[in-house]
Amino acid sequence: MTITKLVKLSRKGQLVLPKKMREEFGVGEGDEVVATLEENCIVLTTSERYAQATRGLLIGAWGRNKTEVSSYIEKEREAWQ
């Protein structure tokens, strides 16, 4: 479903999402959302969906197994001493 509405920014840069959008998006007062600037668009995502989408991105970044990760951590600790 696509919903398009014109919203206005306040002096503080705040905006109000229309009720129908909040309901469809599944967010309410006090919920956190992630705002991402993509080229010329601002994309809002729930923090849960963002976490799911980014889960696993850094697998292997510090090693392929526990031994390699431990070795990496040890080298970093030594560099700080």
PDB file of N, CA and C in Angstrom:
ATOM      1  N   MET A   1       0.840  -1.177   0.000  1.00  0.00           N
ATOM      2  CA  MET A   1       0.000   0.000   0.000  1.00  0.00           C
ATOM      3  C   MET A   1       0.885   1.241   0.000  1.00  0.00           C
ATOM      4  N   THR A   2       0.559   2.188  -0.822  1.00  0.00           N
ATOM      5  CA  THR A   2       1.282   3.454  -0.870  1.00  0.00           C
ATOM      6  C   THR A   2       0.380   4.566  -0.358  1.00  0.00           C
ATOM      7  N   ILE A   3       0.907   5.333   0.586  1.00  0.00           N
ATOM      8  CA  ILE A   3       0.189   6.494   1.115  1.00  0.00           C
ATOM      9  C   ILE A   3       1.104   7.696   0.927  1.00  0.00           C
ATOM     10  N   THR A   4       0.604   8.734   0.320  1.00  0.00           N
ATOM     11  CA  THR A   4       1.389   9.953   0.123  1.00  0.00           C
ATOM     12  C   THR A   4       0.648  11.120   0.760  1.00  0.00           C
ATOM     13  N   LYS A   5       1.330  11.838   1.626  1.00  0.00           N
ATOM     14  CA  LYS A   5       0.745  13.004   2.301  1.00  0.00           C
ATOM     15  C   LYS A   5       1.785  14.116   2.340  1.00  0.00           C
ATOM     16  N   LEU A   6       1.326  15.332   2.272  1.00  0.00           N
ATOM     17  CA  LEU A   6       2.191  16.493   2.432  1.00  0.00           C
ATOM     18  C   LEU A   6       2.247  16.821   3.919  1.00  0.00           C
ATOM     19  N   VAL A   7       3.461  16.873   4.480  1.00  0.00           N
ATOM     20  CA  VAL A   7       3.626  17.235   5.890  1.00  0.00           C
ATOM     21  C   VAL A   7       4.540  18.452   5.965  1.00  0.00           C
ATOM     22  N   LYS A   8       4.390  19.214   7.020  1.00  0.00           N
ATOM     23  CA  LYS A   8       5.139  20.458   7.170  1.00  0.00           C
ATOM     24  C   LYS A   8       6.094  20.340   8.352  1.00  0.00           C
ATOM     25  N   LEU A   9       7.327  20.822   8.168  1.00  0.00           N
ATOM     26  CA  LEU A   9       8.311  20.841   9.247  1.00  0.00           C
ATOM     27  C   LEU A   9       8.058  22.026  10.162  1.00  0.00           C
ATOM     28  N   SER A  10       8.251  21.807  11.470  1.00  0.00           N
ATOM     29  CA  SER A  10       8.167  22.910  12.424  1.00  0.00           C
ATOM     30  C   SER A  10       9.488  23.673  12.420  1.00  0.00           C
ATOM     31  N   ARG A  11       9.545  24.757  13.159  1.00  0.00           N
ATOM     32  CA  ARG A  11      10.793  25.519  13.276  1.00  0.00           C
ATOM     33  C   ARG A  11      11.923  24.660  13.830  1.00  0.00           C
ATOM     34  N   LYS A  12      11.580  23.690  14.653  1.00  0.00           N
ATOM     35  CA  LYS A  12      12.578  22.806  15.255  1.00  0.00           C
ATOM     36  C   LYS A  12      12.942  21.633  14.347  1.00  0.00           C
ATOM     37  N   GLY A  13      12.376  21.587  13.147  1.00  0.00           N
ATOM     38  CA  GLY A  13      12.675  20.496  12.227  1.00  0.00           C
ATOM     39  C   GLY A  13      11.835  19.255  12.475  1.00  0.00           C
ATOM     40  N   GLN A  14      10.818  19.380  13.302  1.00  0.00           N
ATOM     41  CA  GLN A  14       9.958  18.239  13.610  1.00  0.00           C
ATOM     42  C   GLN A  14       8.838  18.134  12.591  1.00  0.00           C
ATOM     43  N   LEU A  15       8.373  16.910  12.378  1.00  0.00           N
ATOM     44  CA  LEU A  15       7.212  16.709  11.532  1.00  0.00           C
ATOM     45  C   LEU A  15       6.291  15.701  12.189  1.00  0.00           C
ATOM     46  N   VAL A  16       5.036  15.743  11.808  1.00  0.00           N
ATOM     47  CA  VAL A  16       4.045  14.820  12.347  1.00  0.00           C
ATOM     48  C   VAL A  16       3.647  13.869  11.233  1.00  0.00           C
ATOM     49  N   LEU A  17       3.803  12.575  11.486  1.00  0.00           N
ATOM     50  CA  LEU A  17       3.334  11.585  10.522  1.00  0.00           C
ATOM     51  C   LEU A  17       1.824  11.457  10.668  1.00  0.00           C
ATOM     52  N   PRO A  18       1.096  11.489   9.573  1.00  0.00           N
ATOM     53  CA  PRO A  18      -0.352  11.341   9.658  1.00  0.00           C
ATOM     54  C   PRO A  18      -0.752  10.023  10.328  1.00  0.00           C
ATOM     55  N   LYS A  19      -1.888  10.043  11.008  1.00  0.00           N
ATOM     56  CA  LYS A  19      -2.363   8.894  11.779  1.00  0.00           C
ATOM     57  C   LYS A  19      -2.392   7.612  10.947  1.00  0.00           C
ATOM     58  N   LYS A  20      -2.914   7.684   9.739  1.00  0.00           N
ATOM     59  CA  LYS A  20      -3.010   6.492   8.884  1.00  0.00           C
ATOM     60  C   LYS A  20      -1.624   5.907   8.603  1.00  0.00           C
ATOM     61  N   MET A  21      -0.631   6.761   8.390  1.00  0.00           N
ATOM     62  CA  MET A  21       0.737   6.293   8.156  1.00  0.00           C
ATOM     63  C   MET A  21       1.302   5.617   9.399  1.00  0.00           C
ATOM     64  N   ARG A  22       1.084   6.231  10.561  1.00  0.00           N
ATOM     65  CA  ARG A  22       1.581   5.639  11.813  1.00  0.00           C
ATOM     66  C   ARG A  22       0.962   4.269  12.040  1.00  0.00           C
ATOM     67  N   GLU A  23      -0.330   4.158  11.768  1.00  0.00           N
ATOM     68  CA  GLU A  23      -1.021   2.876  11.960  1.00  0.00           C
ATOM     69  C   GLU A  23      -0.477   1.815  11.007  1.00  0.00           C
ATOM     70  N   GLU A  24      -0.331   2.167   9.741  1.00  0.00           N
ATOM     71  CA  GLU A  24       0.188   1.207   8.755  1.00  0.00           C
ATOM     72  C   GLU A  24       1.642   0.837   9.048  1.00  0.00           C
ATOM     73  N   PHE A  25       2.408   1.806   9.531  1.00  0.00           N
ATOM     74  CA  PHE A  25       3.828   1.622   9.839  1.00  0.00           C
ATOM     75  C   PHE A  25       4.019   0.862  11.145  1.00  0.00           C
ATOM     76  N   GLY A  26       2.998   0.888  11.996  1.00  0.00           N
ATOM     77  CA  GLY A  26       3.061   0.175  13.269  1.00  0.00           C
ATOM     78  C   GLY A  26       3.846   0.899  14.342  1.00  0.00           C
ATOM     79  N   VAL A  27       3.810   2.227  14.332  1.00  0.00           N
ATOM     80  CA  VAL A  27       4.525   2.995  15.350  1.00  0.00           C
ATOM     81  C   VAL A  27       3.564   3.920  16.072  1.00  0.00           C
ATOM     82  N   GLY A  28       3.956   4.269  17.286  1.00  0.00           N
ATOM     83  CA  GLY A  28       3.148   5.169  18.093  1.00  0.00           C
ATOM     84  C   GLY A  28       4.033   6.069  18.925  1.00  0.00           C
ATOM     85  N   GLU A  29       3.413   6.802  19.816  1.00  0.00           N
ATOM     86  CA  GLU A  29       4.129   7.748  20.664  1.00  0.00           C
ATOM     87  C   GLU A  29       5.253   7.053  21.421  1.00  0.00           C
ATOM     88  N   GLY A  30       6.443   7.646  21.374  1.00  0.00           N
ATOM     89  CA  GLY A  30       7.593   7.126  22.097  1.00  0.00           C
ATOM     90  C   GLY A  30       8.397   6.077  21.346  1.00  0.00           C
ATOM     91  N   ASP A  31       7.867   5.552  20.242  1.00  0.00           N
ATOM     92  CA  ASP A  31       8.616   4.565  19.458  1.00  0.00           C
ATOM     93  C   ASP A  31       9.776   5.253  18.745  1.00  0.00           C
ATOM     94  N   GLU A  32      10.854   4.517  18.562  1.00  0.00           N
ATOM     95  CA  GLU A  32      12.004   5.046  17.837  1.00  0.00           C
ATOM     96  C   GLU A  32      11.978   4.530  16.405  1.00  0.00           C
ATOM     97  N   VAL A  33      12.360   5.392  15.478  1.00  0.00           N
ATOM     98  CA  VAL A  33      12.511   5.000  14.084  1.00  0.00           C
ATOM     99  C   VAL A  33      13.903   5.425  13.622  1.00  0.00           C
ATOM    100  N   VAL A  34      14.414   4.755  12.609  1.00  0.00           N
ATOM    101  CA  VAL A  34      15.713   5.081  12.041  1.00  0.00           C
ATOM    102  C   VAL A  34      15.471   5.901  10.780  1.00  0.00           C
ATOM    103  N   ALA A  35      16.093   7.076  10.698  1.00  0.00           N
ATOM    104  CA  ALA A  35      15.987   7.928   9.513  1.00  0.00           C
ATOM    105  C   ALA A  35      17.275   7.793   8.713  1.00  0.00           C
ATOM    106  N   THR A  36      17.145   7.420   7.442  1.00  0.00           N
ATOM    107  CA  THR A  36      18.295   7.233   6.565  1.00  0.00           C
ATOM    108  C   THR A  36      18.158   8.154   5.360  1.00  0.00           C
ATOM    109  N   LEU A  37      19.209   8.911   5.075  1.00  0.00           N
ATOM    110  CA  LEU A  37      19.213   9.763   3.890  1.00  0.00           C
ATOM    111  C   LEU A  37      19.791   8.953   2.740  1.00  0.00           C
ATOM    112  N   GLU A  38      18.975   8.680   1.725  1.00  0.00           N
ATOM    113  CA  GLU A  38      19.396   7.931   0.539  1.00  0.00           C
ATOM    114  C   GLU A  38      19.233   8.832  -0.672  1.00  0.00           C
ATOM    115  N   GLU A  39      20.366   9.311  -1.185  1.00  0.00           N
ATOM    116  CA  GLU A  39      20.374  10.254  -2.302  1.00  0.00           C
ATOM    117  C   GLU A  39      19.471  11.437  -1.984  1.00  0.00           C
ATOM    118  N   ASN A  40      18.305  11.551  -2.584  1.00  0.00           N
ATOM    119  CA  ASN A  40      17.457  12.713  -2.305  1.00  0.00           C
ATOM    120  C   ASN A  40      16.186  12.324  -1.557  1.00  0.00           C
ATOM    121  N   CYS A  41      16.213  11.196  -0.845  1.00  0.00           N
ATOM    122  CA  CYS A  41      15.047  10.721  -0.094  1.00  0.00           C
ATOM    123  C   CYS A  41      15.417  10.457   1.359  1.00  0.00           C
ATOM    124  N   ILE A  42      14.488  10.710   2.254  1.00  0.00           N
ATOM    125  CA  ILE A  42      14.639  10.321   3.651  1.00  0.00           C
ATOM    126  C   ILE A  42      13.744   9.109   3.858  1.00  0.00           C
ATOM    127  N   VAL A  43      14.349   8.012   4.296  1.00  0.00           N
ATOM    128  CA  VAL A  43      13.621   6.764   4.490  1.00  0.00           C
ATOM    129  C   VAL A  43      13.501   6.502   5.986  1.00  0.00           C
ATOM    130  N   LEU A  44      12.290   6.275   6.467  1.00  0.00           N
ATOM    131  CA  LEU A  44      12.058   5.942   7.873  1.00  0.00           C
ATOM    132  C   LEU A  44      11.832   4.444   7.989  1.00  0.00           C
ATOM    133  N   THR A  45      12.492   3.830   8.970  1.00  0.00           N
ATOM    134  CA  THR A  45      12.379   2.403   9.217  1.00  0.00           C
ATOM    135  C   THR A  45      12.242   2.200  10.716  1.00  0.00           C
ATOM    136  N   THR A  46      11.454   1.221  11.133  1.00  0.00           N
ATOM    137  CA  THR A  46      11.398   0.930  12.563  1.00  0.00           C
ATOM    138  C   THR A  46      12.757   0.402  12.991  1.00  0.00           C
ATOM    139  N   SER A  47      13.112   0.612  14.239  1.00  0.00           N
ATOM    140  CA  SER A  47      14.415   0.150  14.718  1.00  0.00           C
ATOM    141  C   SER A  47      14.523  -1.370  14.628  1.00  0.00           C
ATOM    142  N   GLU A  48      13.406  -2.076  14.824  1.00  0.00           N
ATOM    143  CA  GLU A  48      13.424  -3.537  14.725  1.00  0.00           C
ATOM    144  C   GLU A  48      13.718  -3.984  13.294  1.00  0.00           C
ATOM    145  N   ARG A  49      13.058  -3.373  12.316  1.00  0.00           N
ATOM    146  CA  ARG A  49      13.299  -3.735  10.911  1.00  0.00           C
ATOM    147  C   ARG A  49      14.721  -3.380  10.488  1.00  0.00           C
ATOM    148  N   TYR A  50      15.232  -2.263  10.983  1.00  0.00           N
ATOM    149  CA  TYR A  50      16.599  -1.866  10.658  1.00  0.00           C
ATOM    150  C   TYR A  50      17.589  -2.883  11.222  1.00  0.00           C
ATOM    151  N   ALA A  51      17.357  -3.312  12.452  1.00  0.00           N
ATOM    152  CA  ALA A  51      18.237  -4.308  13.068  1.00  0.00           C
ATOM    153  C   ALA A  51      18.217  -5.606  12.270  1.00  0.00           C
ATOM    154  N   GLN A  52      17.040  -6.037  11.837  1.00  0.00           N
ATOM    155  CA  GLN A  52      16.938  -7.256  11.031  1.00  0.00           C
ATOM    156  C   GLN A  52      17.670  -7.101   9.700  1.00  0.00           C
ATOM    157  N   ALA A  53      17.525  -5.945   9.074  1.00  0.00           N
ATOM    158  CA  ALA A  53      18.140  -5.715   7.764  1.00  0.00           C
ATOM    159  C   ALA A  53      19.658  -5.654   7.840  1.00  0.00           C
ATOM    160  N   THR A  54      20.202  -5.199   8.965  1.00  0.00           N
ATOM    161  CA  THR A  54      21.653  -5.042   9.083  1.00  0.00           C
ATOM    162  C   THR A  54      22.322  -6.180   9.843  1.00  0.00           C
ATOM    163  N   ARG A  55      21.521  -7.091  10.381  1.00  0.00           N
ATOM    164  CA  ARG A  55      22.077  -8.214  11.131  1.00  0.00           C
ATOM    165  C   ARG A  55      23.003  -9.032  10.230  1.00  0.00           C
ATOM    166  N   GLY A  56      24.180  -9.324  10.720  1.00  0.00           N
ATOM    167  CA  GLY A  56      25.111 -10.167   9.987  1.00  0.00           C
ATOM    168  C   GLY A  56      26.033  -9.440   9.029  1.00  0.00           C
ATOM    169  N   LEU A  57      25.907  -8.131   8.894  1.00  0.00           N
ATOM    170  CA  LEU A  57      26.747  -7.405   7.946  1.00  0.00           C
ATOM    171  C   LEU A  57      28.233  -7.475   8.290  1.00  0.00           C
ATOM    172  N   LEU A  58      28.556  -7.593   9.560  1.00  0.00           N
ATOM    173  CA  LEU A  58      29.965  -7.586   9.966  1.00  0.00           C
ATOM    174  C   LEU A  58      30.513  -8.972  10.291  1.00  0.00           C
ATOM    175  N   ILE A  59      29.755 -10.014   9.927  1.00  0.00           N
ATOM    176  CA  ILE A  59      30.254 -11.370  10.176  1.00  0.00           C
ATOM    177  C   ILE A  59      31.574 -11.540   9.435  1.00  0.00           C
ATOM    178  N   GLY A  60      32.578 -11.982  10.148  1.00  0.00           N
ATOM    179  CA  GLY A  60      33.885 -12.201   9.547  1.00  0.00           C
ATOM    180  C   GLY A  60      34.770 -10.971   9.501  1.00  0.00           C
ATOM    181  N   ALA A  61      34.286  -9.837   9.941  1.00  0.00           N
ATOM    182  CA  ALA A  61      35.076  -8.605   9.866  1.00  0.00           C
ATOM    183  C   ALA A  61      36.329  -8.670  10.735  1.00  0.00           C
ATOM    184  N   TRP A  62      36.270  -9.388  11.834  1.00  0.00           N
ATOM    185  CA  TRP A  62      37.414  -9.472  12.743  1.00  0.00           C
ATOM    186  C   TRP A  62      38.000 -10.874  12.789  1.00  0.00           C
ATOM    187  N   GLY A  63      37.521 -11.745  11.951  1.00  0.00           N
ATOM    188  CA  GLY A  63      38.023 -13.109  11.896  1.00  0.00           C
ATOM    189  C   GLY A  63      36.921 -14.067  11.494  1.00  0.00           C
ATOM    190  N   ARG A  64      37.347 -15.236  11.025  1.00  0.00           N
ATOM    191  CA  ARG A  64      36.371 -16.220  10.550  1.00  0.00           C
ATOM    192  C   ARG A  64      35.941 -17.200  11.626  1.00  0.00           C
ATOM    193  N   ASN A  65      36.671 -17.214  12.739  1.00  0.00           N
ATOM    194  CA  ASN A  65      36.318 -18.133  13.824  1.00  0.00           C
ATOM    195  C   ASN A  65      36.755 -17.517  15.152  1.00  0.00           C
ATOM    196  N   LYS A  66      36.444 -18.223  16.239  1.00  0.00           N
ATOM    197  CA  LYS A  66      36.721 -17.696  17.576  1.00  0.00           C
ATOM    198  C   LYS A  66      38.213 -17.437  17.788  1.00  0.00           C
ATOM    199  N   THR A  67      39.064 -18.308  17.277  1.00  0.00           N
ATOM    200  CA  THR A  67      40.508 -18.145  17.442  1.00  0.00           C
ATOM    201  C   THR A  67      41.000 -16.873  16.752  1.00  0.00           C
ATOM    202  N   GLU A  68      40.550 -16.642  15.519  1.00  0.00           N
ATOM    203  CA  GLU A  68      40.960 -15.440  14.790  1.00  0.00           C
ATOM    204  C   GLU A  68      40.441 -14.172  15.458  1.00  0.00           C
ATOM    205  N   VAL A  69      39.217 -14.213  15.960  1.00  0.00           N
ATOM    206  CA  VAL A  69      38.649 -13.050  16.644  1.00  0.00           C
ATOM    207  C   VAL A  69      39.433 -12.765  17.919  1.00  0.00           C
ATOM    208  N   SER A  70      39.754 -13.804  18.683  1.00  0.00           N
ATOM    209  CA  SER A  70      40.540 -13.632  19.911  1.00  0.00           C
ATOM    210  C   SER A  70      41.911 -13.046  19.599  1.00  0.00           C
ATOM    211  N   SER A  71      42.529 -13.514  18.524  1.00  0.00           N
ATOM    212  CA  SER A  71      43.830 -12.997  18.111  1.00  0.00           C
ATOM    213  C   SER A  71      43.728 -11.518  17.737  1.00  0.00           C
ATOM    214  N   TYR A  72      42.684 -11.158  17.024  1.00  0.00           N
ATOM    215  CA  TYR A  72      42.467  -9.760  16.639  1.00  0.00           C
ATOM    216  C   TYR A  72      42.312  -8.880  17.882  1.00  0.00           C
ATOM    217  N   ILE A  73      41.505  -9.335  18.823  1.00  0.00           N
ATOM    218  CA  ILE A  73      41.282  -8.567  20.052  1.00  0.00           C
ATOM    219  C   ILE A  73      42.585  -8.395  20.819  1.00  0.00           C
ATOM    220  N   GLU A  74      43.369  -9.453  20.917  1.00  0.00           N
ATOM    221  CA  GLU A  74      44.642  -9.391  21.636  1.00  0.00           C
ATOM    222  C   GLU A  74      45.586  -8.375  20.988  1.00  0.00           C
ATOM    223  N   LYS A  75      45.656  -8.377  19.660  1.00  0.00           N
ATOM    224  CA  LYS A  75      46.512  -7.412  18.955  1.00  0.00           C
ATOM    225  C   LYS A  75      46.043  -5.978  19.203  1.00  0.00           C
ATOM    226  N   GLU A  76      44.749  -5.760  19.207  1.00  0.00           N
ATOM    227  CA  GLU A  76      44.216  -4.423  19.473  1.00  0.00           C
ATOM    228  C   GLU A  76      44.542  -3.978  20.896  1.00  0.00           C
ATOM    229  N   ARG A  77      44.421  -4.888  21.844  1.00  0.00           N
ATOM    230  CA  ARG A  77      44.742  -4.552  23.241  1.00  0.00           C
ATOM    231  C   ARG A  77      46.213  -4.186  23.381  1.00  0.00           C
ATOM    232  N   GLU A  78      47.085  -4.947  22.716  1.00  0.00           N
ATOM    233  CA  GLU A  78      48.518  -4.665  22.770  1.00  0.00           C
ATOM    234  C   GLU A  78      48.832  -3.298  22.161  1.00  0.00           C
ATOM    235  N   ALA A  79      48.121  -2.945  21.116  1.00  0.00           N
ATOM    236  CA  ALA A  79      48.359  -1.658  20.456  1.00  0.00           C
ATOM    237  C   ALA A  79      48.019  -0.485  21.372  1.00  0.00           C
ATOM    238  N   TRP A  80      47.136  -0.696  22.329  1.00  0.00           N
ATOM    239  CA  TRP A  80      46.726   0.371  23.241  1.00  0.00           C
ATOM    240  C   TRP A  80      47.613   0.466  24.483  1.00  0.00           C
ATOM    241  N   GLN A  81      48.541  -0.438  24.638  1.00  0.00           N
ATOM    242  CA  GLN A  81      49.392  -0.414  25.843  1.00  0.00           C
ATOM    243  C   GLN A  81      50.677   0.327  25.603  1.00  0.00           C
TER     244      GLN A  81
END
